[in-house]
Amino acid sequence: MSRKWQLQDAKAKLSEVVTRAQTEGPQIVTYRGVDRAVVLSIEEYRRLEANRPSLLDYLMAGPKLDDDAIASINDRSRDTGRTVDL
């Protein structure tokens, strides 16, 4: 059976949508023919959340810049722009 639900059908049959999310996998909810939401089982949600790094971990994993790279980024014109009469 299809894993896509029109919004009005998903609202009317929410318990069935949730049951199918547990047994068949993620259920997609559409609004005016466009995919808008996904209903997941709690197990799937927890699995996804467990693999997501914290914001701090994500930022700390970014590229490491040496002093020369930081100096070149900060070495920019101090020109404040032109004067505009309004």
PDB file of N, CA and C in Angstrom:
ATOM      1  N   MET A   1       0.837  -1.181   0.000  1.00  0.00           N
ATOM      2  CA  MET A   1       0.000   0.000   0.000  1.00  0.00           C
ATOM      3  C   MET A   1       0.886   1.249   0.000  1.00  0.00           C
ATOM      4  N   SER A   2       0.344   2.336  -0.433  1.00  0.00           N
ATOM      5  CA  SER A   2       1.092   3.574  -0.574  1.00  0.00           C
ATOM      6  C   SER A   2       1.511   4.138   0.780  1.00  0.00           C
ATOM      7  N   ARG A   3       2.645   4.797   0.782  1.00  0.00           N
ATOM      8  CA  ARG A   3       3.134   5.449   1.992  1.00  0.00           C
ATOM      9  C   ARG A   3       2.865   6.944   1.957  1.00  0.00           C
ATOM     10  N   LYS A   4       2.090   7.401   0.971  1.00  0.00           N
ATOM     11  CA  LYS A   4       1.756   8.815   0.868  1.00  0.00           C
ATOM     12  C   LYS A   4       0.301   9.024   1.262  1.00  0.00           C
ATOM     13  N   TRP A   5       0.069  10.073   2.027  1.00  0.00           N
ATOM     14  CA  TRP A   5      -1.262  10.407   2.504  1.00  0.00           C
ATOM     15  C   TRP A   5      -1.550  11.869   2.204  1.00  0.00           C
ATOM     16  N   GLN A   6      -2.739  12.150   1.667  1.00  0.00           N
ATOM     17  CA  GLN A   6      -3.170  13.532   1.562  1.00  0.00           C
ATOM     18  C   GLN A   6      -3.472  14.006   2.979  1.00  0.00           C
ATOM     19  N   LEU A   7      -3.257  15.276   3.236  1.00  0.00           N
ATOM     20  CA  LEU A   7      -3.401  15.806   4.588  1.00  0.00           C
ATOM     21  C   LEU A   7      -4.756  15.483   5.205  1.00  0.00           C
ATOM     22  N   GLN A   8      -5.819  15.680   4.458  1.00  0.00           N
ATOM     23  CA  GLN A   8      -7.153  15.432   5.023  1.00  0.00           C
ATOM     24  C   GLN A   8      -7.352  13.955   5.372  1.00  0.00           C
ATOM     25  N   ASP A   9      -6.771  13.050   4.579  1.00  0.00           N
ATOM     26  CA  ASP A   9      -6.855  11.620   4.886  1.00  0.00           C
ATOM     27  C   ASP A   9      -6.010  11.271   6.108  1.00  0.00           C
ATOM     28  N   ALA A  10      -4.839  11.869   6.198  1.00  0.00           N
ATOM     29  CA  ALA A  10      -3.969  11.611   7.340  1.00  0.00           C
ATOM     30  C   ALA A  10      -4.623  12.088   8.631  1.00  0.00           C
ATOM     31  N   LYS A  11      -5.311  13.222   8.571  1.00  0.00           N
ATOM     32  CA  LYS A  11      -6.000  13.722   9.759  1.00  0.00           C
ATOM     33  C   LYS A  11      -7.142  12.797  10.161  1.00  0.00           C
ATOM     34  N   ALA A  12      -7.877  12.324   9.182  1.00  0.00           N
ATOM     35  CA  ALA A  12      -9.032  11.465   9.467  1.00  0.00           C
ATOM     36  C   ALA A  12      -8.606  10.076   9.945  1.00  0.00           C
ATOM     37  N   LYS A  13      -7.425   9.623   9.533  1.00  0.00           N
ATOM     38  CA  LYS A  13      -6.973   8.267   9.857  1.00  0.00           C
ATOM     39  C   LYS A  13      -5.622   8.299  10.562  1.00  0.00           C
ATOM     40  N   LEU A  14      -5.463   9.216  11.502  1.00  0.00           N
ATOM     41  CA  LEU A  14      -4.170   9.399  12.146  1.00  0.00           C
ATOM     42  C   LEU A  14      -3.677   8.124  12.823  1.00  0.00           C
ATOM     43  N   SER A  15      -4.552   7.387  13.482  1.00  0.00           N
ATOM     44  CA  SER A  15      -4.102   6.167  14.151  1.00  0.00           C
ATOM     45  C   SER A  15      -3.570   5.152  13.138  1.00  0.00           C
ATOM     46  N   GLU A  16      -4.170   5.086  11.959  1.00  0.00           N
ATOM     47  CA  GLU A  16      -3.678   4.178  10.928  1.00  0.00           C
ATOM     48  C   GLU A  16      -2.323   4.646  10.387  1.00  0.00           C
ATOM     49  N   VAL A  17      -2.163   5.962  10.226  1.00  0.00           N
ATOM     50  CA  VAL A  17      -0.889   6.509   9.757  1.00  0.00           C
ATOM     51  C   VAL A  17       0.220   6.161  10.752  1.00  0.00           C
ATOM     52  N   VAL A  18      -0.061   6.323  12.048  1.00  0.00           N
ATOM     53  CA  VAL A  18       0.926   6.023  13.079  1.00  0.00           C
ATOM     54  C   VAL A  18       1.249   4.528  13.100  1.00  0.00           C
ATOM     55  N   THR A  19       0.229   3.686  13.007  1.00  0.00           N
ATOM     56  CA  THR A  19       0.446   2.237  12.990  1.00  0.00           C
ATOM     57  C   THR A  19       1.304   1.829  11.802  1.00  0.00           C
ATOM     58  N   ARG A  20       1.022   2.391  10.642  1.00  0.00           N
ATOM     59  CA  ARG A  20       1.812   2.057   9.451  1.00  0.00           C
ATOM     60  C   ARG A  20       3.239   2.579   9.553  1.00  0.00           C
ATOM     61  N   ALA A  21       3.426   3.705  10.232  1.00  0.00           N
ATOM     62  CA  ALA A  21       4.780   4.213  10.435  1.00  0.00           C
ATOM     63  C   ALA A  21       5.589   3.214  11.251  1.00  0.00           C
ATOM     64  N   GLN A  22       4.937   2.550  12.194  1.00  0.00           N
ATOM     65  CA  GLN A  22       5.624   1.552  13.014  1.00  0.00           C
ATOM     66  C   GLN A  22       5.889   0.263  12.248  1.00  0.00           C
ATOM     67  N   THR A  23       4.960  -0.140  11.402  1.00  0.00           N
ATOM     68  CA  THR A  23       5.085  -1.436  10.736  1.00  0.00           C
ATOM     69  C   THR A  23       5.684  -1.370   9.340  1.00  0.00           C
ATOM     70  N   GLU A  24       5.438  -0.281   8.603  1.00  0.00           N
ATOM     71  CA  GLU A  24       5.860  -0.201   7.198  1.00  0.00           C
ATOM     72  C   GLU A  24       6.960   0.822   6.936  1.00  0.00           C
ATOM     73  N   GLY A  25       7.239   1.671   7.913  1.00  0.00           N
ATOM     74  CA  GLY A  25       8.251   2.701   7.712  1.00  0.00           C
ATOM     75  C   GLY A  25       7.635   4.085   7.610  1.00  0.00           C
ATOM     76  N   PRO A  26       8.451   5.082   7.343  1.00  0.00           N
ATOM     77  CA  PRO A  26       7.991   6.479   7.305  1.00  0.00           C
ATOM     78  C   PRO A  26       6.799   6.681   6.366  1.00  0.00           C
ATOM     79  N   GLN A  27       5.847   7.502   6.821  1.00  0.00           N
ATOM     80  CA  GLN A  27       4.657   7.835   6.043  1.00  0.00           C
ATOM     81  C   GLN A  27       4.737   9.314   5.660  1.00  0.00           C
ATOM     82  N   ILE A  28       4.557   9.604   4.387  1.00  0.00           N
ATOM     83  CA  ILE A  28       4.663  10.966   3.871  1.00  0.00           C
ATOM     84  C   ILE A  28       3.279  11.586   3.799  1.00  0.00           C
ATOM     85  N   VAL A  29       3.176  12.816   4.303  1.00  0.00           N
ATOM     86  CA  VAL A  29       1.917  13.559   4.250  1.00  0.00           C
ATOM     87  C   VAL A  29       2.077  14.670   3.220  1.00  0.00           C
ATOM     88  N   THR A  30       1.114  14.737   2.292  1.00  0.00           N
ATOM     89  CA  THR A  30       1.168  15.755   1.240  1.00  0.00           C
ATOM     90  C   THR A  30       0.087  16.810   1.475  1.00  0.00           C
ATOM     91  N   TYR A  31       0.375  18.000   1.003  1.00  0.00           N
ATOM     92  CA  TYR A  31      -0.591  19.101   1.062  1.00  0.00           C
ATOM     93  C   TYR A  31      -0.611  19.742  -0.313  1.00  0.00           C
ATOM     94  N   ARG A  32      -1.753  19.696  -0.941  1.00  0.00           N
ATOM     95  CA  ARG A  32      -1.912  20.207  -2.312  1.00  0.00           C
ATOM     96  C   ARG A  32      -0.916  19.564  -3.270  1.00  0.00           C
ATOM     97  N   GLY A  33      -0.698  18.266  -3.082  1.00  0.00           N
ATOM     98  CA  GLY A  33       0.146  17.495  -3.978  1.00  0.00           C
ATOM     99  C   GLY A  33       1.641  17.601  -3.737  1.00  0.00           C
ATOM    100  N   VAL A  34       2.041  18.345  -2.708  1.00  0.00           N
ATOM    101  CA  VAL A  34       3.459  18.539  -2.410  1.00  0.00           C
ATOM    102  C   VAL A  34       3.785  17.854  -1.082  1.00  0.00           C
ATOM    103  N   ASP A  35       4.887  17.091  -1.054  1.00  0.00           N
ATOM    104  CA  ASP A  35       5.312  16.453   0.188  1.00  0.00           C
ATOM    105  C   ASP A  35       5.597  17.527   1.229  1.00  0.00           C
ATOM    106  N   ARG A  36       4.949  17.399   2.407  1.00  0.00           N
ATOM    107  CA  ARG A  36       5.106  18.434   3.431  1.00  0.00           C
ATOM    108  C   ARG A  36       5.600  17.919   4.777  1.00  0.00           C
ATOM    109  N   ALA A  37       5.320  16.665   5.120  1.00  0.00           N
ATOM    110  CA  ALA A  37       5.699  16.146   6.428  1.00  0.00           C
ATOM    111  C   ALA A  37       5.909  14.640   6.342  1.00  0.00           C
ATOM    112  N   VAL A  38       6.570  14.114   7.372  1.00  0.00           N
ATOM    113  CA  VAL A  38       6.806  12.678   7.468  1.00  0.00           C
ATOM    114  C   VAL A  38       6.451  12.231   8.875  1.00  0.00           C
ATOM    115  N   VAL A  39       5.722  11.129   8.978  1.00  0.00           N
ATOM    116  CA  VAL A  39       5.420  10.524  10.268  1.00  0.00           C
ATOM    117  C   VAL A  39       6.357   9.333  10.430  1.00  0.00           C
ATOM    118  N   LEU A  40       7.130   9.344  11.530  1.00  0.00           N
ATOM    119  CA  LEU A  40       8.102   8.288  11.809  1.00  0.00           C
ATOM    120  C   LEU A  40       7.700   7.521  13.056  1.00  0.00           C
ATOM    121  N   SER A  41       8.146   6.282  13.140  1.00  0.00           N
ATOM    122  CA  SER A  41       7.989   5.549  14.388  1.00  0.00           C
ATOM    123  C   SER A  41       8.949   6.157  15.404  1.00  0.00           C
ATOM    124  N   ILE A  42       8.659   5.986  16.683  1.00  0.00           N
ATOM    125  CA  ILE A  42       9.534   6.538  17.714  1.00  0.00           C
ATOM    126  C   ILE A  42      10.915   5.903  17.655  1.00  0.00           C
ATOM    127  N   GLU A  43      10.988   4.639  17.273  1.00  0.00           N
ATOM    128  CA  GLU A  43      12.279   3.967  17.165  1.00  0.00           C
ATOM    129  C   GLU A  43      13.143   4.619  16.091  1.00  0.00           C
ATOM    130  N   GLU A  44      12.543   4.896  14.946  1.00  0.00           N
ATOM    131  CA  GLU A  44      13.267   5.537  13.841  1.00  0.00           C
ATOM    132  C   GLU A  44      13.714   6.944  14.235  1.00  0.00           C
ATOM    133  N   TYR A  45      12.824   7.673  14.898  1.00  0.00           N
ATOM    134  CA  TYR A  45      13.159   9.030  15.351  1.00  0.00           C
ATOM    135  C   TYR A  45      14.342   8.992  16.314  1.00  0.00           C
ATOM    136  N   ARG A  46      14.314   8.098  17.287  1.00  0.00           N
ATOM    137  CA  ARG A  46      15.404   8.006  18.270  1.00  0.00           C
ATOM    138  C   ARG A  46      16.714   7.591  17.601  1.00  0.00           C
ATOM    139  N   ARG A  47      16.637   6.730  16.596  1.00  0.00           N
ATOM    140  CA  ARG A  47      17.835   6.323  15.875  1.00  0.00           C
ATOM    141  C   ARG A  47      18.454   7.522  15.152  1.00  0.00           C
ATOM    142  N   LEU A  48      17.614   8.333  14.538  1.00  0.00           N
ATOM    143  CA  LEU A  48      18.109   9.521  13.843  1.00  0.00           C
ATOM    144  C   LEU A  48      18.696  10.539  14.816  1.00  0.00           C
ATOM    145  N   GLU A  49      18.031  10.742  15.937  1.00  0.00           N
ATOM    146  CA  GLU A  49      18.500  11.706  16.931  1.00  0.00           C
ATOM    147  C   GLU A  49      19.816  11.269  17.564  1.00  0.00           C
ATOM    148  N   ALA A  50      20.012   9.981  17.742  1.00  0.00           N
ATOM    149  CA  ALA A  50      21.228   9.480  18.378  1.00  0.00           C
ATOM    150  C   ALA A  50      22.459   9.771  17.528  1.00  0.00           C
ATOM    151  N   ASN A  51      22.309   9.847  16.222  1.00  0.00           N
ATOM    152  CA  ASN A  51      23.434  10.058  15.316  1.00  0.00           C
ATOM    153  C   ASN A  51      23.713  11.526  15.031  1.00  0.00           C
ATOM    154  N   ARG A  52      22.875  12.415  15.559  1.00  0.00           N
ATOM    155  CA  ARG A  52      23.036  13.834  15.266  1.00  0.00           C
ATOM    156  C   ARG A  52      23.962  14.490  16.292  1.00  0.00           C
ATOM    157  N   PRO A  53      25.034  15.135  15.837  1.00  0.00           N
ATOM    158  CA  PRO A  53      25.945  15.776  16.796  1.00  0.00           C
ATOM    159  C   PRO A  53      25.312  17.041  17.379  1.00  0.00           C
ATOM    160  N   SER A  54      25.801  17.447  18.531  1.00  0.00           N
ATOM    161  CA  SER A  54      25.348  18.703  19.114  1.00  0.00           C
ATOM    162  C   SER A  54      25.875  19.854  18.251  1.00  0.00           C
ATOM    163  N   LEU A  55      25.328  21.029  18.425  1.00  0.00           N
ATOM    164  CA  LEU A  55      25.785  22.188  17.652  1.00  0.00           C
ATOM    165  C   LEU A  55      27.261  22.465  17.928  1.00  0.00           C
ATOM    166  N   LEU A  56      27.661  22.368  19.177  1.00  0.00           N
ATOM    167  CA  LEU A  56      29.056  22.596  19.516  1.00  0.00           C
ATOM    168  C   LEU A  56      29.968  21.579  18.830  1.00  0.00           C
ATOM    169  N   ASP A  57      29.604  20.310  18.875  1.00  0.00           N
ATOM    170  CA  ASP A  57      30.404  19.276  18.214  1.00  0.00           C
ATOM    171  C   ASP A  57      30.490  19.530  16.708  1.00  0.00           C
ATOM    172  N   TYR A  58      29.359  19.935  16.121  1.00  0.00           N
ATOM    173  CA  TYR A  58      29.325  20.220  14.682  1.00  0.00           C
ATOM    174  C   TYR A  58      30.273  21.374  14.334  1.00  0.00           C
ATOM    175  N   LEU A  59      30.216  22.442  15.108  1.00  0.00           N
ATOM    176  CA  LEU A  59      31.072  23.595  14.828  1.00  0.00           C
ATOM    177  C   LEU A  59      32.543  23.277  15.069  1.00  0.00           C
ATOM    178  N   MET A  60      32.826  22.526  16.113  1.00  0.00           N
ATOM    179  CA  MET A  60      34.213  22.178  16.425  1.00  0.00           C
ATOM    180  C   MET A  60      34.812  21.228  15.385  1.00  0.00           C
ATOM    181  N   ALA A  61      33.974  20.503  14.649  1.00  0.00           N
ATOM    182  CA  ALA A  61      34.455  19.577  13.634  1.00  0.00           C
ATOM    183  C   ALA A  61      34.754  20.276  12.311  1.00  0.00           C
ATOM    184  N   GLY A  62      34.526  21.568  12.254  1.00  0.00           N
ATOM    185  CA  GLY A  62      34.743  22.317  11.024  1.00  0.00           C
ATOM    186  C   GLY A  62      36.218  22.429  10.683  1.00  0.00           C
ATOM    187  N   PRO A  63      36.521  23.105   9.589  1.00  0.00           N
ATOM    188  CA  PRO A  63      37.924  23.210   9.163  1.00  0.00           C
ATOM    189  C   PRO A  63      38.752  23.989  10.186  1.00  0.00           C
ATOM    190  N   LYS A  64      39.975  23.567  10.367  1.00  0.00           N
ATOM    191  CA  LYS A  64      40.907  24.236  11.276  1.00  0.00           C
ATOM    192  C   LYS A  64      41.688  25.267  10.467  1.00  0.00           C
ATOM    193  N   LEU A  65      41.747  26.480  10.980  1.00  0.00           N
ATOM    194  CA  LEU A  65      42.440  27.557  10.286  1.00  0.00           C
ATOM    195  C   LEU A  65      43.721  27.887  11.031  1.00  0.00           C
ATOM    196  N   ASP A  66      44.813  28.007  10.288  1.00  0.00           N
ATOM    197  CA  ASP A  66      46.067  28.397  10.928  1.00  0.00           C
ATOM    198  C   ASP A  66      46.116  29.917  11.058  1.00  0.00           C
ATOM    199  N   ASP A  67      47.154  30.424  11.704  1.00  0.00           N
ATOM    200  CA  ASP A  67      47.255  31.863  11.954  1.00  0.00           C
ATOM    201  C   ASP A  67      47.325  32.670  10.666  1.00  0.00           C
ATOM    202  N   ASP A  68      47.980  32.147   9.631  1.00  0.00           N
ATOM    203  CA  ASP A  68      48.080  32.867   8.358  1.00  0.00           C
ATOM    204  C   ASP A  68      46.705  33.007   7.701  1.00  0.00           C
ATOM    205  N   ALA A  69      45.908  31.950   7.749  1.00  0.00           N
ATOM    206  CA  ALA A  69      44.561  32.005   7.163  1.00  0.00           C
ATOM    207  C   ALA A  69      43.691  33.008   7.908  1.00  0.00           C
ATOM    208  N   ILE A  70      43.781  33.024   9.207  1.00  0.00           N
ATOM    209  CA  ILE A  70      42.991  33.971  10.005  1.00  0.00           C
ATOM    210  C   ILE A  70      43.452  35.400   9.729  1.00  0.00           C
ATOM    211  N   ALA A  71      44.778  35.595   9.599  1.00  0.00           N
ATOM    212  CA  ALA A  71      45.309  36.924   9.307  1.00  0.00           C
ATOM    213  C   ALA A  71      44.821  37.413   7.951  1.00  0.00           C
ATOM    214  N   SER A  72      44.782  36.527   6.949  1.00  0.00           N
ATOM    215  CA  SER A  72      44.326  36.949   5.622  1.00  0.00           C
ATOM    216  C   SER A  72      42.831  37.260   5.626  1.00  0.00           C
ATOM    217  N   ILE A  73      42.068  36.561   6.443  1.00  0.00           N
ATOM    218  CA  ILE A  73      40.636  36.868   6.556  1.00  0.00           C
ATOM    219  C   ILE A  73      40.443  38.238   7.201  1.00  0.00           C
ATOM    220  N   ASN A  74      41.234  38.507   8.239  1.00  0.00           N
ATOM    221  CA  ASN A  74      41.084  39.768   8.971  1.00  0.00           C
ATOM    222  C   ASN A  74      41.766  40.944   8.281  1.00  0.00           C
ATOM    223  N   ASP A  75      42.638  40.672   7.311  1.00  0.00           N
ATOM    224  CA  ASP A  75      43.347  41.719   6.598  1.00  0.00           C
ATOM    225  C   ASP A  75      42.472  42.210   5.450  1.00  0.00           C
ATOM    226  N   ARG A  76      41.555  43.059   5.776  1.00  0.00           N
ATOM    227  CA  ARG A  76      40.653  43.589   4.764  1.00  0.00           C
ATOM    228  C   ARG A  76      40.649  45.111   4.849  1.00  0.00           C
ATOM    229  N   SER A  77      40.135  45.704   3.837  1.00  0.00           N
ATOM    230  CA  SER A  77      40.099  47.156   3.769  1.00  0.00           C
ATOM    231  C   SER A  77      39.255  47.713   4.917  1.00  0.00           C
ATOM    232  N   ARG A  78      39.727  48.778   5.513  1.00  0.00           N
ATOM    233  CA  ARG A  78      38.973  49.443   6.581  1.00  0.00           C
ATOM    234  C   ARG A  78      38.094  50.570   6.018  1.00  0.00           C
ATOM    235  N   ASP A  79      38.002  50.620   4.697  1.00  0.00           N
ATOM    236  CA  ASP A  79      37.182  51.638   4.033  1.00  0.00           C
ATOM    237  C   ASP A  79      35.728  51.456   4.452  1.00  0.00           C
ATOM    238  N   THR A  80      35.098  52.496   4.899  1.00  0.00           N
ATOM    239  CA  THR A  80      33.705  52.412   5.365  1.00  0.00           C
ATOM    240  C   THR A  80      32.706  52.656   4.249  1.00  0.00           C
ATOM    241  N   GLY A  81      33.180  52.865   3.039  1.00  0.00           N
ATOM    242  CA  GLY A  81      32.257  53.082   1.929  1.00  0.00           C
ATOM    243  C   GLY A  81      32.141  54.555   1.580  1.00  0.00           C
ATOM    244  N   ARG A  82      31.222  54.846   0.694  1.00  0.00           N
ATOM    245  CA  ARG A  82      31.093  56.228   0.253  1.00  0.00           C
ATOM    246  C   ARG A  82      29.970  56.913   1.018  1.00  0.00           C
ATOM    247  N   THR A  83      30.001  58.202   1.025  1.00  0.00           N
ATOM    248  CA  THR A  83      28.968  58.995   1.662  1.00  0.00           C
ATOM    249  C   THR A  83      27.803  59.155   0.698  1.00  0.00           C
ATOM    250  N   VAL A  84      26.607  58.960   1.186  1.00  0.00           N
ATOM    251  CA  VAL A  84      25.413  59.061   0.350  1.00  0.00           C
ATOM    252  C   VAL A  84      24.519  60.145   0.924  1.00  0.00           C
ATOM    253  N   ASP A  85      24.131  61.068   0.072  1.00  0.00           N
ATOM    254  CA  ASP A  85      23.188  62.123   0.501  1.00  0.00           C
ATOM    255  C   ASP A  85      21.780  61.652   0.196  1.00  0.00           C
ATOM    256  N   LEU A  86      20.947  61.670   1.201  1.00  0.00           N
ATOM    257  CA  LEU A  86      19.555  61.268   1.017  1.00  0.00           C
ATOM    258  C   LEU A  86      18.630  62.441   1.017  1.00  0.00           C
TER     259      LEU A  86
END
